[in-house]
PDB file of all heavy atoms in Angstrom:
ATOM      1  N   VAL A   1     146.942  15.972  46.174  1.00  0.00           N
ATOM      2  CA  VAL A   1     148.159  15.161  46.316  1.00  0.00           C
ATOM      3  C   VAL A   1     148.838  14.951  45.003  1.00  0.00           C
ATOM      4  O   VAL A   1     150.069  15.088  44.821  1.00  0.00           O
ATOM      5  CB  VAL A   1     147.845  13.841  46.975  1.00  0.00           C
ATOM      6  CG1 VAL A   1     149.017  12.877  46.924  1.00  0.00           C
ATOM      7  CG2 VAL A   1     147.381  14.012  48.436  1.00  0.00           C
ATOM      8  N   ARG A   2     148.062  14.633  43.969  1.00  0.00           N
ATOM      9  CA  ARG A   2     148.619  14.375  42.663  1.00  0.00           C
ATOM     10  C   ARG A   2     149.321  15.553  42.101  1.00  0.00           C
ATOM     11  O   ARG A   2     150.378  15.465  41.442  1.00  0.00           O
ATOM     12  CB  ARG A   2     147.476  13.895  41.682  1.00  0.00           C
ATOM     13  CG  ARG A   2     148.019  13.219  40.408  1.00  0.00           C
ATOM     14  CD  ARG A   2     146.881  12.526  39.650  1.00  0.00           C
ATOM     15  NE  ARG A   2     145.974  13.552  39.097  1.00  0.00           N
ATOM     16  CZ  ARG A   2     144.710  13.658  39.504  1.00  0.00           C
ATOM     17  NH1 ARG A   2     144.226  12.934  40.417  1.00  0.00           N
ATOM     18  NH2 ARG A   2     143.972  14.629  38.920  1.00  0.00           N
ATOM     19  N   ALA A   3     148.752  16.746  42.252  1.00  0.00           N
ATOM     20  CA  ALA A   3     149.363  17.959  41.718  1.00  0.00           C
ATOM     21  C   ALA A   3     150.726  18.221  42.397  1.00  0.00           C
ATOM     22  O   ALA A   3     151.737  18.633  41.706  1.00  0.00           O
ATOM     23  CB  ALA A   3     148.407  19.111  41.887  1.00  0.00           C
ATOM     24  N   TRP A   4     150.758  18.068  43.713  1.00  0.00           N
ATOM     25  CA  TRP A   4     151.999  18.255  44.416  1.00  0.00           C
ATOM     26  C   TRP A   4     153.120  17.281  44.020  1.00  0.00           C
ATOM     27  O   TRP A   4     154.225  17.616  43.724  1.00  0.00           O
ATOM     28  CB  TRP A   4     151.808  18.177  45.943  1.00  0.00           C
ATOM     29  CG  TRP A   4     153.062  18.413  46.724  1.00  0.00           C
ATOM     30  CD1 TRP A   4     153.543  19.569  47.096  1.00  0.00           C
ATOM     31  CD2 TRP A   4     154.007  17.403  47.124  1.00  0.00           C
ATOM     32  NE1 TRP A   4     154.754  19.426  47.810  1.00  0.00           N
ATOM     33  CE2 TRP A   4     155.014  18.119  47.861  1.00  0.00           C
ATOM     34  CE3 TRP A   4     154.050  16.035  47.068  1.00  0.00           C
ATOM     35  CZ2 TRP A   4     156.172  17.423  48.401  1.00  0.00           C
ATOM     36  CZ3 TRP A   4     155.123  15.299  47.632  1.00  0.00           C
ATOM     37  CH2 TRP A   4     156.156  16.048  48.259  1.00  0.00           C
ATOM     38  N   GLN A   5     152.737  16.001  43.891  1.00  0.00           N
ATOM     39  CA  GLN A   5     153.709  15.037  43.469  1.00  0.00           C
ATOM     40  C   GLN A   5     154.164  15.170  42.037  1.00  0.00           C
ATOM     41  O   GLN A   5     155.330  15.007  41.806  1.00  0.00           O
ATOM     42  CB  GLN A   5     153.047  13.604  43.634  1.00  0.00           C
ATOM     43  CG  GLN A   5     152.836  13.152  45.125  1.00  0.00           C
ATOM     44  CD  GLN A   5     152.288  11.734  45.223  1.00  0.00           C
ATOM     45  OE1 GLN A   5     151.689  11.242  44.315  1.00  0.00           O
ATOM     46  NE2 GLN A   5     152.595  11.172  46.317  1.00  0.00           N
ATOM     47  N   GLN A   6     153.269  15.568  41.148  1.00  0.00           N
ATOM     48  CA  GLN A   6     153.650  15.769  39.765  1.00  0.00           C
ATOM     49  C   GLN A   6     154.666  16.895  39.665  1.00  0.00           C
ATOM     50  O   GLN A   6     155.664  16.751  38.909  1.00  0.00           O
ATOM     51  CB  GLN A   6     152.492  16.098  38.946  1.00  0.00           C
ATOM     52  CG  GLN A   6     152.737  16.081  37.400  1.00  0.00           C
ATOM     53  CD  GLN A   6     153.036  14.678  36.882  1.00  0.00           C
ATOM     54  OE1 GLN A   6     152.200  13.852  36.888  1.00  0.00           O
ATOM     55  NE2 GLN A   6     154.303  14.544  36.447  1.00  0.00           N
ATOM     56  N   GLU A   7     154.473  17.976  40.422  1.00  0.00           N
ATOM     57  CA  GLU A   7     155.417  19.061  40.401  1.00  0.00           C
ATOM     58  C   GLU A   7     156.774  18.647  40.915  1.00  0.00           C
ATOM     59  O   GLU A   7     157.827  18.990  40.304  1.00  0.00           O
ATOM     60  CB  GLU A   7     154.840  20.230  41.229  1.00  0.00           C
ATOM     61  CG  GLU A   7     155.832  21.432  41.280  1.00  0.00           C
ATOM     62  CD  GLU A   7     155.278  22.519  42.178  1.00  0.00           C
ATOM     63  OE1 GLU A   7     154.175  22.437  42.750  1.00  0.00           O
ATOM     64  OE2 GLU A   7     155.977  23.541  42.350  1.00  0.00           O
ATOM     65  N   ARG A   8     156.837  17.875  41.972  1.00  0.00           N
ATOM     66  CA  ARG A   8     158.131  17.455  42.527  1.00  0.00           C
ATOM     67  C   ARG A   8     158.781  16.426  41.668  1.00  0.00           C
ATOM     68  O   ARG A   8     160.045  16.439  41.508  1.00  0.00           O
ATOM     69  CB  ARG A   8     157.940  16.883  43.927  1.00  0.00           C
ATOM     70  CG  ARG A   8     157.491  17.933  44.994  1.00  0.00           C
ATOM     71  CD  ARG A   8     158.498  19.056  45.134  1.00  0.00           C
ATOM     72  NE  ARG A   8     158.104  20.044  46.138  1.00  0.00           N
ATOM     73  CZ  ARG A   8     157.263  20.993  45.918  1.00  0.00           C
ATOM     74  NH1 ARG A   8     156.692  21.154  44.681  1.00  0.00           N
ATOM     75  NH2 ARG A   8     157.032  21.927  46.834  1.00  0.00           N
ATOM     76  N   LEU A   9     158.027  15.520  41.106  1.00  0.00           N
ATOM     77  CA  LEU A   9     158.601  14.515  40.185  1.00  0.00           C
ATOM     78  C   LEU A   9     159.182  15.180  39.004  1.00  0.00           C
ATOM     79  O   LEU A   9     160.274  14.709  38.547  1.00  0.00           O
ATOM     80  CB  LEU A   9     157.532  13.480  39.849  1.00  0.00           C
ATOM     81  CG  LEU A   9     157.156  12.514  40.982  1.00  0.00           C
ATOM     82  CD1 LEU A   9     155.957  11.670  40.572  1.00  0.00           C
ATOM     83  CD2 LEU A   9     158.340  11.511  41.238  1.00  0.00           C
ATOM     84  N   ASP A  10     158.545  16.137  38.434  1.00  0.00           N
ATOM     85  CA  ASP A  10     159.101  16.887  37.209  1.00  0.00           C
ATOM     86  C   ASP A  10     160.447  17.500  37.658  1.00  0.00           C
ATOM     87  O   ASP A  10     161.382  17.451  36.848  1.00  0.00           O
ATOM     88  CB  ASP A  10     158.094  17.907  36.766  1.00  0.00           C
ATOM     89  CG  ASP A  10     156.892  17.290  36.051  1.00  0.00           C
ATOM     90  OD1 ASP A  10     156.923  16.078  35.805  1.00  0.00           O
ATOM     91  OD2 ASP A  10     155.842  17.989  35.897  1.00  0.00           O
ATOM     92  N   MET A  11     160.490  18.024  38.808  1.00  0.00           N
ATOM     93  CA  MET A  11     161.729  18.702  39.250  1.00  0.00           C
ATOM     94  C   MET A  11     162.839  17.726  39.478  1.00  0.00           C
ATOM     95  O   MET A  11     163.972  17.936  39.042  1.00  0.00           O
ATOM     96  CB  MET A  11     161.454  19.514  40.520  1.00  0.00           C
ATOM     97  CG  MET A  11     162.714  20.231  41.076  1.00  0.00           C
ATOM     98  SD  MET A  11     162.371  20.955  42.723  1.00  0.00           S
ATOM     99  CE  MET A  11     162.206  19.540  43.654  1.00  0.00           C
ATOM    100  N   LEU A  12     162.567  16.589  40.086  1.00  0.00           N
ATOM    101  CA  LEU A  12     163.596  15.603  40.425  1.00  0.00           C
ATOM    102  C   LEU A  12     164.104  14.826  39.232  1.00  0.00           C
ATOM    103  O   LEU A  12     165.278  14.480  39.125  1.00  0.00           O
ATOM    104  CB  LEU A  12     163.055  14.657  41.545  1.00  0.00           C
ATOM    105  CG  LEU A  12     162.799  15.231  42.948  1.00  0.00           C
ATOM    106  CD1 LEU A  12     162.232  14.194  43.839  1.00  0.00           C
ATOM    107  CD2 LEU A  12     164.118  15.784  43.481  1.00  0.00           C
ATOM    108  N   THR A  13     163.203  14.472  38.347  1.00  0.00           N
ATOM    109  CA  THR A  13     163.550  13.573  37.241  1.00  0.00           C
ATOM    110  C   THR A  13     164.149  14.357  36.047  1.00  0.00           C
ATOM    111  O   THR A  13     164.783  13.694  35.167  1.00  0.00           O
ATOM    112  CB  THR A  13     162.377  12.723  36.798  1.00  0.00           C
ATOM    113  OG1 THR A  13     161.354  13.652  36.288  1.00  0.00           O
ATOM    114  CG2 THR A  13     161.807  11.871  37.912  1.00  0.00           C
ATOM    115  N   ALA A  14     163.968  15.628  35.997  1.00  0.00           N
ATOM    116  CA  ALA A  14     164.431  16.345  34.754  1.00  0.00           C
ATOM    117  C   ALA A  14     165.950  16.224  34.545  1.00  0.00           C
ATOM    118  O   ALA A  14     166.440  16.188  33.469  1.00  0.00           O
ATOM    119  CB  ALA A  14     164.046  17.826  34.886  1.00  0.00           C
ATOM    120  N   ASP A  15     166.757  16.162  35.681  1.00  0.00           N
ATOM    121  CA  ASP A  15     168.189  16.225  35.605  1.00  0.00           C
ATOM    122  C   ASP A  15     168.805  14.845  35.861  1.00  0.00           C
ATOM    123  O   ASP A  15     169.968  14.778  36.212  1.00  0.00           O
ATOM    124  CB  ASP A  15     168.722  17.244  36.511  1.00  0.00           C
ATOM    125  CG  ASP A  15     168.323  18.625  36.143  1.00  0.00           C
ATOM    126  OD1 ASP A  15     168.194  18.899  34.923  1.00  0.00           O
ATOM    127  OD2 ASP A  15     168.156  19.494  37.017  1.00  0.00           O
ATOM    128  N   ILE A  16     168.055  13.735  35.774  1.00  0.00           N
ATOM    129  CA  ILE A  16     168.583  12.409  35.888  1.00  0.00           C
ATOM    130  C   ILE A  16     168.784  11.823  34.489  1.00  0.00           C
ATOM    131  O   ILE A  16     167.800  11.683  33.737  1.00  0.00           O
ATOM    132  CB  ILE A  16     167.677  11.484  36.749  1.00  0.00           C
ATOM    133  CG1 ILE A  16     167.449  12.102  38.177  1.00  0.00           C
ATOM    134  CG2 ILE A  16     168.245  10.128  36.842  1.00  0.00           C
ATOM    135  CD1 ILE A  16     166.525  11.302  39.050  1.00  0.00           C
ATOM    136  N   PHE A  17     170.014  11.484  34.191  1.00  0.00           N
ATOM    137  CA  PHE A  17     170.302  11.053  32.842  1.00  0.00           C
ATOM    138  C   PHE A  17     170.646   9.597  32.810  1.00  0.00           C
ATOM    139  O   PHE A  17     170.954   8.963  33.842  1.00  0.00           O
ATOM    140  CB  PHE A  17     171.489  11.850  32.282  1.00  0.00           C
ATOM    141  CG  PHE A  17     171.173  13.327  32.261  1.00  0.00           C
ATOM    142  CD1 PHE A  17     171.660  14.192  33.244  1.00  0.00           C
ATOM    143  CD2 PHE A  17     170.413  13.922  31.225  1.00  0.00           C
ATOM    144  CE1 PHE A  17     171.412  15.558  33.235  1.00  0.00           C
ATOM    145  CE2 PHE A  17     170.172  15.244  31.276  1.00  0.00           C
ATOM    146  CZ  PHE A  17     170.620  16.086  32.219  1.00  0.00           C
ATOM    147  N   GLY A  18     170.578   9.007  31.590  1.00  0.00           N
ATOM    148  CA  GLY A  18     170.845   7.574  31.421  1.00  0.00           C
ATOM    149  C   GLY A  18     170.064   7.088  30.188  1.00  0.00           C
ATOM    150  O   GLY A  18     169.845   7.872  29.273  1.00  0.00           O
ATOM    151  N   PHE A  19     169.725   5.783  30.179  1.00  0.00           N
ATOM    152  CA  PHE A  19     169.099   5.261  28.964  1.00  0.00           C
ATOM    153  C   PHE A  19     167.689   4.632  29.317  1.00  0.00           C
ATOM    154  O   PHE A  19     166.797   4.692  28.475  1.00  0.00           O
ATOM    155  CB  PHE A  19     170.021   4.160  28.360  1.00  0.00           C
ATOM    156  CG  PHE A  19     171.298   4.723  27.848  1.00  0.00           C
ATOM    157  CD1 PHE A  19     172.433   4.671  28.634  1.00  0.00           C
ATOM    158  CD2 PHE A  19     171.378   5.327  26.585  1.00  0.00           C
ATOM    159  CE1 PHE A  19     173.682   5.136  28.130  1.00  0.00           C
ATOM    160  CE2 PHE A  19     172.591   5.775  26.089  1.00  0.00           C
ATOM    161  CZ  PHE A  19     173.701   5.708  26.893  1.00  0.00           C
ATOM    162  N   ASN A  20     167.579   4.056  30.497  1.00  0.00           N
ATOM    163  CA  ASN A  20     166.327   3.291  30.825  1.00  0.00           C
ATOM    164  C   ASN A  20     165.716   3.768  32.110  1.00  0.00           C
ATOM    165  O   ASN A  20     166.389   3.746  33.126  1.00  0.00           O
ATOM    166  CB  ASN A  20     166.710   1.825  30.876  1.00  0.00           C
ATOM    167  CG  ASN A  20     167.329   1.273  29.609  1.00  0.00           C
ATOM    168  OD1 ASN A  20     166.821   1.444  28.546  1.00  0.00           O
ATOM    169  ND2 ASN A  20     168.447   0.574  29.764  1.00  0.00           N
ATOM    170  N   ALA A  21     164.477   4.209  32.044  1.00  0.00           N
ATOM    171  CA  ALA A  21     163.771   4.638  33.231  1.00  0.00           C
ATOM    172  C   ALA A  21     162.424   3.871  33.355  1.00  0.00           C
ATOM    173  O   ALA A  21     161.808   3.548  32.350  1.00  0.00           O
ATOM    174  CB  ALA A  21     163.495   6.115  33.168  1.00  0.00           C
ATOM    175  N   LEU A  22     162.027   3.590  34.560  1.00  0.00           N
ATOM    176  CA  LEU A  22     160.810   2.811  34.843  1.00  0.00           C
ATOM    177  C   LEU A  22     159.964   3.396  35.914  1.00  0.00           C
ATOM    178  O   LEU A  22     160.488   3.704  37.013  1.00  0.00           O
ATOM    179  CB  LEU A  22     161.265   1.337  35.210  1.00  0.00           C
ATOM    180  CG  LEU A  22     160.179   0.344  35.651  1.00  0.00           C
ATOM    181  CD1 LEU A  22     159.289   0.011  34.496  1.00  0.00           C
ATOM    182  CD2 LEU A  22     160.757  -0.901  36.258  1.00  0.00           C
ATOM    183  N   GLN A  23     158.644   3.459  35.683  1.00  0.00           N
ATOM    184  CA  GLN A  23     157.715   3.773  36.734  1.00  0.00           C
ATOM    185  C   GLN A  23     156.949   2.483  37.054  1.00  0.00           C
ATOM    186  O   GLN A  23     156.411   1.907  36.130  1.00  0.00           O
ATOM    187  CB  GLN A  23     156.760   4.853  36.255  1.00  0.00           C
ATOM    188  CG  GLN A  23     155.628   5.165  37.286  1.00  0.00           C
ATOM    189  CD  GLN A  23     154.597   6.175  36.802  1.00  0.00           C
ATOM    190  OE1 GLN A  23     154.852   6.947  35.876  1.00  0.00           O
ATOM    191  NE2 GLN A  23     153.443   6.117  37.390  1.00  0.00           N
ATOM    192  N   ILE A  24     156.852   2.135  38.322  1.00  0.00           N
ATOM    193  CA  ILE A  24     156.171   0.978  38.717  1.00  0.00           C
ATOM    194  C   ILE A  24     154.864   1.371  39.375  1.00  0.00           C
ATOM    195  O   ILE A  24     154.804   1.996  40.455  1.00  0.00           O
ATOM    196  CB  ILE A  24     156.976   0.180  39.731  1.00  0.00           C
ATOM    197  CG1 ILE A  24     158.275  -0.292  39.069  1.00  0.00           C
ATOM    198  CG2 ILE A  24     156.215  -1.124  40.232  1.00  0.00           C
ATOM    199  CD1 ILE A  24     159.194  -1.114  40.011  1.00  0.00           C
ATOM    200  N   GLY A  25     153.740   1.007  38.793  1.00  0.00           N
ATOM    201  CA  GLY A  25     152.400   1.224  39.355  1.00  0.00           C
ATOM    202  C   GLY A  25     151.889   2.654  39.250  1.00  0.00           C
ATOM    203  O   GLY A  25     152.578   3.588  38.829  1.00  0.00           O
TER     204      GLY A  25
END
């Protein structure tokens, strides 16, 4: 599960821009 989620998260977050990002938990 962790490997699949890490791959998708890398893909989704790479092109989100701004100044402040937060991971909760």
